[in-house]
Amino acid sequence: MNRHHAVEVILTRPVTSGELRHSCRIVPLAANADRTRLMALQRAHSPGGALHMLRRRLGSLLPIDVLTSHYPNRHGHILLNVDLKHTAAAAIRQATTVRGQRPQDFLGRCVTDALAEHEQRRGRLLEARLEDLLVHHPPEDILACAGSLLDRRRPPAAP
């Protein structure tokens, strides 16, 4: 069954208006304000197929860094399509051969581990900052201040 899949195109630099105009003749695209990210609908059997097809259609026209599926697939995963340079691809193939893994599984694990590490680092930084605040302020003052700040940043309720 052919369906349309939303694909986000992340660019290495802002596209020129000429590049965008020319690309829109091939694939209808929507650009963000600074033209560093584009959205497209691509007809394909699967999200992975949509990423592959869009890479083939736009790869020579735009400075594409990464293509991502905009919505999770049936397994809850956002798919990435990255065009690796020859040396990087060779290094990944070598690493996956040694480990007996498929390249996409190896890369998926690397990305997942890096994201987990990033989240842990952010959590440790937040804890350290709170510890510093607790040296100078009682917990109830910090909590009241955080609640007030969050309340001010909340968008107004819809009518």
N, C-alpha and C. Protein backbone atom coordinates (compact mmCIF):
# COMPACT_ATOMS: atom_id res chain seq x y z
N MET A 1 0.84 -1.18 0.00
CA MET A 1 0.00 0.00 0.00
C MET A 1 0.88 1.24 0.00
N ASN A 2 0.68 2.11 -0.96
CA ASN A 2 1.42 3.37 -1.02
C ASN A 2 0.76 4.39 -0.11
N ARG A 3 1.57 5.06 0.70
CA ARG A 3 1.09 6.13 1.56
C ARG A 3 2.03 7.30 1.44
N HIS A 4 1.60 8.41 1.95
CA HIS A 4 2.48 9.58 1.98
C HIS A 4 3.13 9.65 3.36
N HIS A 5 4.41 9.95 3.37
CA HIS A 5 5.17 10.02 4.61
C HIS A 5 5.78 11.41 4.72
N ALA A 6 5.65 12.01 5.90
CA ALA A 6 6.25 13.33 6.15
C ALA A 6 7.73 13.14 6.43
N VAL A 7 8.55 13.91 5.72
CA VAL A 7 10.00 13.81 5.85
C VAL A 7 10.56 15.20 6.15
N GLU A 8 11.41 15.26 7.14
CA GLU A 8 12.11 16.51 7.44
C GLU A 8 13.49 16.45 6.80
N VAL A 9 13.86 17.52 6.12
CA VAL A 9 15.15 17.63 5.45
C VAL A 9 15.97 18.65 6.23
N ILE A 10 17.04 18.19 6.84
CA ILE A 10 17.91 19.08 7.60
C ILE A 10 19.12 19.38 6.72
N LEU A 11 19.38 20.66 6.52
CA LEU A 11 20.41 21.09 5.57
C LEU A 11 21.70 21.50 6.27
N THR A 12 22.80 21.41 5.54
CA THR A 12 24.10 21.81 6.11
C THR A 12 24.27 23.33 6.11
N ARG A 13 23.48 24.02 5.29
CA ARG A 13 23.50 25.48 5.23
C ARG A 13 22.13 25.94 4.71
N PRO A 14 21.79 27.20 4.89
CA PRO A 14 20.53 27.68 4.33
C PRO A 14 20.54 27.57 2.80
N VAL A 15 19.43 27.16 2.23
CA VAL A 15 19.34 27.09 0.76
C VAL A 15 19.06 28.47 0.22
N THR A 16 19.53 28.70 -0.99
CA THR A 16 19.24 29.96 -1.65
C THR A 16 17.81 29.90 -2.18
N SER A 17 17.25 31.04 -2.48
CA SER A 17 15.89 31.04 -3.02
C SER A 17 15.84 30.32 -4.36
N GLY A 18 16.91 30.41 -5.15
CA GLY A 18 16.97 29.70 -6.43
C GLY A 18 16.99 28.18 -6.24
N GLU A 19 17.81 27.70 -5.29
CA GLU A 19 17.86 26.26 -5.00
C GLU A 19 16.50 25.76 -4.54
N LEU A 20 15.86 26.54 -3.68
CA LEU A 20 14.55 26.14 -3.16
C LEU A 20 13.52 26.12 -4.28
N ARG A 21 13.50 27.14 -5.10
CA ARG A 21 12.55 27.21 -6.22
C ARG A 21 12.75 26.02 -7.16
N HIS A 22 13.99 25.73 -7.52
CA HIS A 22 14.29 24.62 -8.42
C HIS A 22 13.88 23.28 -7.80
N SER A 23 14.18 23.09 -6.52
CA SER A 23 13.83 21.85 -5.83
C SER A 23 12.32 21.67 -5.71
N CYS A 24 11.62 22.76 -5.52
CA CYS A 24 10.16 22.69 -5.39
C CYS A 24 9.49 22.26 -6.69
N ARG A 25 10.18 22.39 -7.80
CA ARG A 25 9.64 21.87 -9.07
C ARG A 25 9.70 20.35 -9.09
N ILE A 26 10.63 19.77 -8.36
CA ILE A 26 10.80 18.32 -8.30
C ILE A 26 9.91 17.74 -7.21
N VAL A 27 9.96 18.34 -6.02
CA VAL A 27 9.21 17.88 -4.85
C VAL A 27 8.64 19.10 -4.14
N PRO A 28 7.35 19.14 -3.86
CA PRO A 28 6.81 20.27 -3.08
C PRO A 28 7.46 20.29 -1.69
N LEU A 29 7.97 21.44 -1.31
CA LEU A 29 8.69 21.59 -0.05
C LEU A 29 8.17 22.79 0.72
N ALA A 30 8.22 22.71 2.04
CA ALA A 30 7.94 23.84 2.91
C ALA A 30 9.21 24.13 3.69
N ALA A 31 9.63 25.39 3.71
CA ALA A 31 10.87 25.77 4.39
C ALA A 31 10.57 26.51 5.68
N ASN A 32 11.48 26.37 6.65
CA ASN A 32 11.35 27.18 7.86
C ASN A 32 11.88 28.59 7.57
N ALA A 33 11.81 29.47 8.54
CA ALA A 33 12.14 30.88 8.32
C ALA A 33 13.57 31.09 7.83
N ASP A 34 14.52 30.35 8.37
CA ASP A 34 15.91 30.59 7.95
C ASP A 34 16.37 29.62 6.85
N ARG A 35 15.46 28.84 6.31
CA ARG A 35 15.69 27.92 5.18
C ARG A 35 16.80 26.91 5.46
N THR A 36 16.88 26.43 6.71
CA THR A 36 17.84 25.38 7.06
C THR A 36 17.15 24.03 7.25
N ARG A 37 15.82 24.05 7.29
CA ARG A 37 15.04 22.82 7.44
C ARG A 37 13.86 22.89 6.48
N LEU A 38 13.58 21.77 5.86
CA LEU A 38 12.47 21.68 4.92
C LEU A 38 11.58 20.52 5.31
N MET A 39 10.33 20.59 4.90
CA MET A 39 9.40 19.47 5.09
C MET A 39 8.88 19.06 3.72
N ALA A 40 8.71 17.75 3.55
CA ALA A 40 8.19 17.22 2.30
C ALA A 40 7.26 16.06 2.60
N LEU A 41 6.32 15.82 1.71
CA LEU A 41 5.51 14.61 1.74
C LEU A 41 5.98 13.73 0.60
N GLN A 42 6.35 12.50 0.91
CA GLN A 42 6.85 11.60 -0.12
C GLN A 42 6.00 10.34 -0.13
N ARG A 43 5.52 9.99 -1.30
CA ARG A 43 4.73 8.78 -1.45
C ARG A 43 5.66 7.58 -1.51
N ALA A 44 5.41 6.58 -0.65
CA ALA A 44 6.23 5.38 -0.60
C ALA A 44 5.51 4.32 0.21
N HIS A 45 6.00 3.08 0.12
CA HIS A 45 5.41 1.98 0.89
C HIS A 45 5.74 2.07 2.38
N SER A 46 6.89 2.66 2.69
CA SER A 46 7.34 2.71 4.09
C SER A 46 8.07 4.02 4.34
N PRO A 47 8.24 4.39 5.61
CA PRO A 47 9.01 5.60 5.91
C PRO A 47 10.45 5.51 5.40
N GLY A 48 11.07 4.34 5.54
CA GLY A 48 12.43 4.17 5.05
C GLY A 48 12.51 4.35 3.55
N GLY A 49 11.52 3.82 2.85
CA GLY A 49 11.47 3.99 1.40
C GLY A 49 11.30 5.44 1.01
N ALA A 50 10.51 6.18 1.79
CA ALA A 50 10.31 7.60 1.52
C ALA A 50 11.62 8.37 1.69
N LEU A 51 12.38 8.04 2.74
CA LEU A 51 13.67 8.71 2.95
C LEU A 51 14.62 8.41 1.80
N HIS A 52 14.69 7.15 1.40
CA HIS A 52 15.59 6.74 0.32
C HIS A 52 15.21 7.45 -0.99
N MET A 53 13.93 7.47 -1.29
CA MET A 53 13.48 8.07 -2.54
C MET A 53 13.74 9.59 -2.55
N LEU A 54 13.49 10.23 -1.42
CA LEU A 54 13.72 11.68 -1.36
C LEU A 54 15.21 12.01 -1.46
N ARG A 55 16.05 11.18 -0.88
CA ARG A 55 17.50 11.38 -1.00
C ARG A 55 17.92 11.30 -2.47
N ARG A 56 17.38 10.33 -3.20
CA ARG A 56 17.70 10.18 -4.62
C ARG A 56 17.21 11.38 -5.43
N ARG A 57 16.03 11.88 -5.10
CA ARG A 57 15.44 12.97 -5.89
C ARG A 57 16.08 14.32 -5.59
N LEU A 58 16.47 14.57 -4.35
CA LEU A 58 16.96 15.89 -3.96
C LEU A 58 18.45 15.95 -3.63
N GLY A 59 19.09 14.80 -3.52
CA GLY A 59 20.49 14.75 -3.08
C GLY A 59 21.45 15.59 -3.89
N SER A 60 21.23 15.69 -5.18
CA SER A 60 22.14 16.47 -6.02
C SER A 60 21.72 17.94 -6.12
N LEU A 61 20.54 18.28 -5.59
CA LEU A 61 20.03 19.64 -5.72
C LEU A 61 20.22 20.49 -4.47
N LEU A 62 20.25 19.83 -3.31
CA LEU A 62 20.28 20.56 -2.05
C LEU A 62 21.44 20.09 -1.17
N PRO A 63 21.92 20.95 -0.26
CA PRO A 63 22.99 20.54 0.68
C PRO A 63 22.38 19.77 1.86
N ILE A 64 21.94 18.54 1.59
CA ILE A 64 21.24 17.74 2.61
C ILE A 64 22.25 17.17 3.60
N ASP A 65 21.95 17.36 4.88
CA ASP A 65 22.75 16.75 5.94
C ASP A 65 22.09 15.45 6.37
N VAL A 66 20.83 15.54 6.82
CA VAL A 66 20.11 14.37 7.32
C VAL A 66 18.65 14.46 6.88
N LEU A 67 18.10 13.32 6.53
CA LEU A 67 16.66 13.20 6.30
C LEU A 67 16.10 12.40 7.47
N THR A 68 14.97 12.84 8.01
CA THR A 68 14.34 12.09 9.10
C THR A 68 12.86 11.90 8.81
N SER A 69 12.36 10.77 9.27
CA SER A 69 10.91 10.59 9.21
C SER A 69 10.33 11.52 10.28
N HIS A 70 9.27 12.20 9.96
CA HIS A 70 8.73 13.19 10.90
C HIS A 70 7.92 12.52 12.01
N TYR A 71 7.35 11.36 11.72
CA TYR A 71 6.56 10.63 12.71
C TYR A 71 7.20 9.28 12.97
N PRO A 72 7.06 8.75 14.16
CA PRO A 72 7.63 7.43 14.46
C PRO A 72 6.99 6.34 13.59
N ASN A 73 7.79 5.31 13.30
CA ASN A 73 7.24 4.16 12.55
C ASN A 73 6.45 3.27 13.50
N ARG A 74 6.01 2.12 13.04
CA ARG A 74 5.15 1.26 13.86
C ARG A 74 5.87 0.71 15.09
N HIS A 75 7.22 0.82 15.10
CA HIS A 75 8.00 0.39 16.27
C HIS A 75 8.31 1.55 17.20
N GLY A 76 7.80 2.73 16.85
CA GLY A 76 8.04 3.92 17.68
C GLY A 76 9.36 4.61 17.41
N HIS A 77 10.01 4.29 16.28
CA HIS A 77 11.31 4.87 15.97
C HIS A 77 11.21 5.96 14.90
N ILE A 78 11.98 6.99 15.08
CA ILE A 78 12.17 8.00 14.05
C ILE A 78 13.34 7.50 13.20
N LEU A 79 13.17 7.46 11.89
CA LEU A 79 14.22 6.96 11.02
C LEU A 79 15.11 8.09 10.53
N LEU A 80 16.40 7.81 10.40
CA LEU A 80 17.37 8.77 9.89
C LEU A 80 17.96 8.23 8.60
N ASN A 81 18.24 9.14 7.68
CA ASN A 81 18.94 8.79 6.45
C ASN A 81 20.13 9.74 6.36
N VAL A 82 21.32 9.19 6.55
CA VAL A 82 22.55 9.98 6.57
C VAL A 82 23.43 9.48 5.44
N ASP A 83 23.95 10.40 4.63
CA ASP A 83 24.85 10.05 3.56
C ASP A 83 26.28 10.13 4.10
N LEU A 84 26.86 8.97 4.40
CA LEU A 84 28.19 8.94 5.00
C LEU A 84 29.27 9.00 3.93
N LYS A 85 30.35 9.64 4.26
CA LYS A 85 31.50 9.67 3.37
C LYS A 85 32.10 8.27 3.31
N HIS A 86 32.87 8.01 2.26
CA HIS A 86 33.43 6.68 2.02
C HIS A 86 34.23 6.16 3.21
N THR A 87 35.07 7.02 3.81
CA THR A 87 35.92 6.57 4.92
C THR A 87 35.08 6.22 6.15
N ALA A 88 34.05 7.01 6.42
CA ALA A 88 33.18 6.72 7.56
C ALA A 88 32.41 5.42 7.33
N ALA A 89 31.89 5.24 6.12
CA ALA A 89 31.15 4.02 5.80
C ALA A 89 32.05 2.80 5.92
N ALA A 90 33.30 2.92 5.47
CA ALA A 90 34.24 1.80 5.56
C ALA A 90 34.54 1.46 7.02
N ALA A 91 34.71 2.49 7.86
CA ALA A 91 34.98 2.26 9.28
C ALA A 91 33.79 1.58 9.96
N ILE A 92 32.59 1.98 9.59
CA ILE A 92 31.38 1.36 10.17
C ILE A 92 31.27 -0.08 9.72
N ARG A 93 31.51 -0.34 8.43
CA ARG A 93 31.46 -1.72 7.94
C ARG A 93 32.47 -2.60 8.67
N GLN A 94 33.66 -2.08 8.90
CA GLN A 94 34.69 -2.84 9.59
C GLN A 94 34.26 -3.13 11.04
N ALA A 95 33.74 -2.11 11.72
CA ALA A 95 33.30 -2.29 13.11
C ALA A 95 32.14 -3.28 13.21
N THR A 96 31.23 -3.23 12.25
CA THR A 96 30.07 -4.12 12.30
C THR A 96 30.46 -5.55 11.95
N THR A 97 31.43 -5.72 11.08
CA THR A 97 31.90 -7.06 10.75
C THR A 97 32.51 -7.72 11.98
N VAL A 98 33.32 -6.97 12.71
CA VAL A 98 33.96 -7.49 13.93
C VAL A 98 32.90 -7.87 14.96
N ARG A 99 31.86 -7.06 15.08
CA ARG A 99 30.82 -7.30 16.08
C ARG A 99 29.70 -8.23 15.59
N GLY A 100 29.68 -8.51 14.31
CA GLY A 100 28.62 -9.35 13.77
C GLY A 100 27.27 -8.65 13.75
N GLN A 101 27.27 -7.35 13.53
CA GLN A 101 26.04 -6.56 13.50
C GLN A 101 25.80 -6.00 12.11
N ARG A 102 24.55 -5.58 11.89
CA ARG A 102 24.24 -4.84 10.67
C ARG A 102 24.63 -3.39 10.90
N PRO A 103 25.07 -2.69 9.84
CA PRO A 103 25.47 -1.28 10.02
C PRO A 103 24.37 -0.42 10.65
N GLN A 104 23.11 -0.59 10.22
CA GLN A 104 22.05 0.24 10.78
C GLN A 104 21.82 -0.05 12.26
N ASP A 105 22.02 -1.31 12.69
CA ASP A 105 21.88 -1.64 14.11
C ASP A 105 23.01 -1.00 14.92
N PHE A 106 24.22 -1.06 14.36
CA PHE A 106 25.38 -0.46 15.02
C PHE A 106 25.20 1.05 15.18
N LEU A 107 24.80 1.72 14.09
CA LEU A 107 24.59 3.16 14.15
C LEU A 107 23.45 3.52 15.09
N GLY A 108 22.38 2.72 15.04
CA GLY A 108 21.25 2.96 15.94
C GLY A 108 21.67 2.89 17.40
N ARG A 109 22.49 1.89 17.74
CA ARG A 109 22.98 1.74 19.11
C ARG A 109 23.87 2.92 19.48
N CYS A 110 24.74 3.35 18.56
CA CYS A 110 25.63 4.49 18.83
C CYS A 110 24.83 5.76 19.09
N VAL A 111 23.82 6.01 18.28
CA VAL A 111 22.99 7.21 18.45
C VAL A 111 22.22 7.13 19.76
N THR A 112 21.63 5.97 20.05
CA THR A 112 20.87 5.79 21.30
C THR A 112 21.77 6.00 22.51
N ASP A 113 22.97 5.43 22.48
CA ASP A 113 23.91 5.59 23.59
C ASP A 113 24.33 7.05 23.75
N ALA A 114 24.57 7.74 22.63
CA ALA A 114 24.98 9.14 22.70
C ALA A 114 23.86 10.01 23.28
N LEU A 115 22.62 9.73 22.88
CA LEU A 115 21.48 10.49 23.42
C LEU A 115 21.31 10.24 24.92
N ALA A 116 21.47 8.99 25.34
CA ALA A 116 21.36 8.67 26.76
C ALA A 116 22.46 9.37 27.56
N GLU A 117 23.66 9.37 27.03
CA GLU A 117 24.78 10.05 27.69
C GLU A 117 24.51 11.55 27.80
N HIS A 118 23.97 12.13 26.74
CA HIS A 118 23.64 13.55 26.74
C HIS A 118 22.60 13.87 27.82
N GLU A 119 21.58 13.05 27.91
CA GLU A 119 20.54 13.27 28.92
C GLU A 119 21.10 13.12 30.34
N GLN A 120 21.98 12.15 30.54
CA GLN A 120 22.60 11.98 31.86
C GLN A 120 23.45 13.20 32.22
N ARG A 121 24.19 13.71 31.24
CA ARG A 121 25.02 14.89 31.46
C ARG A 121 24.16 16.09 31.82
N ARG A 122 23.04 16.27 31.12
CA ARG A 122 22.14 17.38 31.42
C ARG A 122 21.56 17.24 32.83
N GLY A 123 21.20 16.02 33.20
CA GLY A 123 20.66 15.77 34.54
C GLY A 123 21.67 16.09 35.63
N ARG A 124 22.93 15.67 35.41
CA ARG A 124 23.98 15.97 36.39
C ARG A 124 24.23 17.47 36.51
N LEU A 125 24.19 18.17 35.37
CA LEU A 125 24.38 19.63 35.38
C LEU A 125 23.26 20.32 36.15
N LEU A 126 22.03 19.89 35.92
CA LEU A 126 20.89 20.47 36.63
C LEU A 126 21.01 20.22 38.14
N GLU A 127 21.37 19.00 38.50
CA GLU A 127 21.55 18.70 39.93
C GLU A 127 22.63 19.58 40.56
N ALA A 128 23.73 19.76 39.85
CA ALA A 128 24.82 20.59 40.38
C ALA A 128 24.36 22.03 40.56
N ARG A 129 23.60 22.54 39.62
CA ARG A 129 23.11 23.92 39.73
C ARG A 129 22.12 24.05 40.89
N LEU A 130 21.28 23.04 41.07
CA LEU A 130 20.35 23.09 42.21
C LEU A 130 21.10 23.01 43.54
N GLU A 131 22.14 22.18 43.59
CA GLU A 131 22.95 22.10 44.81
C GLU A 131 23.55 23.47 45.14
N ASP A 132 24.03 24.17 44.10
CA ASP A 132 24.58 25.51 44.32
C ASP A 132 23.52 26.46 44.85
N LEU A 133 22.31 26.38 44.31
CA LEU A 133 21.21 27.23 44.79
C LEU A 133 20.86 26.92 46.24
N LEU A 134 20.86 25.64 46.58
CA LEU A 134 20.49 25.24 47.94
C LEU A 134 21.49 25.73 49.00
N VAL A 135 22.69 26.07 48.58
CA VAL A 135 23.67 26.63 49.50
C VAL A 135 23.21 28.01 49.96
N HIS A 136 22.55 28.75 49.07
CA HIS A 136 22.19 30.14 49.36
C HIS A 136 20.71 30.37 49.64
N HIS A 137 19.84 29.41 49.30
CA HIS A 137 18.40 29.61 49.44
C HIS A 137 17.75 28.36 50.01
N PRO A 138 16.72 28.55 50.84
CA PRO A 138 16.00 27.38 51.38
C PRO A 138 15.17 26.70 50.26
N PRO A 139 14.96 25.39 50.37
CA PRO A 139 14.24 24.64 49.33
C PRO A 139 12.87 25.24 48.98
N GLU A 140 12.14 25.71 50.00
CA GLU A 140 10.80 26.25 49.73
C GLU A 140 10.85 27.52 48.88
N ASP A 141 11.90 28.34 49.03
CA ASP A 141 12.05 29.54 48.20
C ASP A 141 12.37 29.15 46.74
N ILE A 142 13.22 28.15 46.57
CA ILE A 142 13.58 27.69 45.22
C ILE A 142 12.34 27.12 44.53
N LEU A 143 11.57 26.32 45.26
CA LEU A 143 10.36 25.72 44.71
C LEU A 143 9.34 26.79 44.34
N ALA A 144 9.13 27.77 45.21
CA ALA A 144 8.18 28.85 44.92
C ALA A 144 8.63 29.66 43.72
N CYS A 145 9.91 29.95 43.65
CA CYS A 145 10.44 30.72 42.52
C CYS A 145 10.29 29.94 41.21
N ALA A 146 10.60 28.64 41.24
CA ALA A 146 10.47 27.81 40.03
C ALA A 146 9.01 27.74 39.59
N GLY A 147 8.09 27.58 40.55
CA GLY A 147 6.66 27.54 40.21
C GLY A 147 6.20 28.85 39.59
N SER A 148 6.64 29.96 40.15
CA SER A 148 6.26 31.27 39.62
C SER A 148 6.81 31.48 38.22
N LEU A 149 8.05 31.09 38.02
CA LEU A 149 8.67 31.23 36.70
C LEU A 149 7.96 30.36 35.66
N LEU A 150 7.67 29.14 36.02
CA LEU A 150 6.96 28.24 35.08
C LEU A 150 5.56 28.75 34.77
N ASP A 151 4.90 29.32 35.77
CA ASP A 151 3.56 29.85 35.55
C ASP A 151 3.59 31.03 34.58
N ARG A 152 4.61 31.88 34.70
CA ARG A 152 4.73 33.02 33.77
C ARG A 152 5.06 32.58 32.35
N ARG A 153 5.74 31.48 32.19
CA ARG A 153 6.15 31.00 30.86
C ARG A 153 5.06 30.16 30.19
N ARG A 154 4.03 29.80 30.93
CA ARG A 154 2.94 28.98 30.37
C ARG A 154 2.15 29.81 29.36
N PRO A 155 1.86 29.24 28.19
CA PRO A 155 1.05 30.00 27.22
C PRO A 155 -0.37 30.19 27.74
N PRO A 156 -1.02 31.29 27.35
CA PRO A 156 -2.38 31.55 27.83
C PRO A 156 -3.33 30.45 27.35
N ALA A 157 -4.34 30.18 28.15
CA ALA A 157 -5.33 29.16 27.79
C ALA A 157 -6.14 29.59 26.59
N ALA A 158 -6.49 28.64 25.73
CA ALA A 158 -7.29 28.93 24.55
C ALA A 158 -8.71 29.27 24.97
N PRO A 159 -9.37 30.23 24.27
CA PRO A 159 -10.73 30.62 24.65
C PRO A 159 -11.73 29.53 24.37
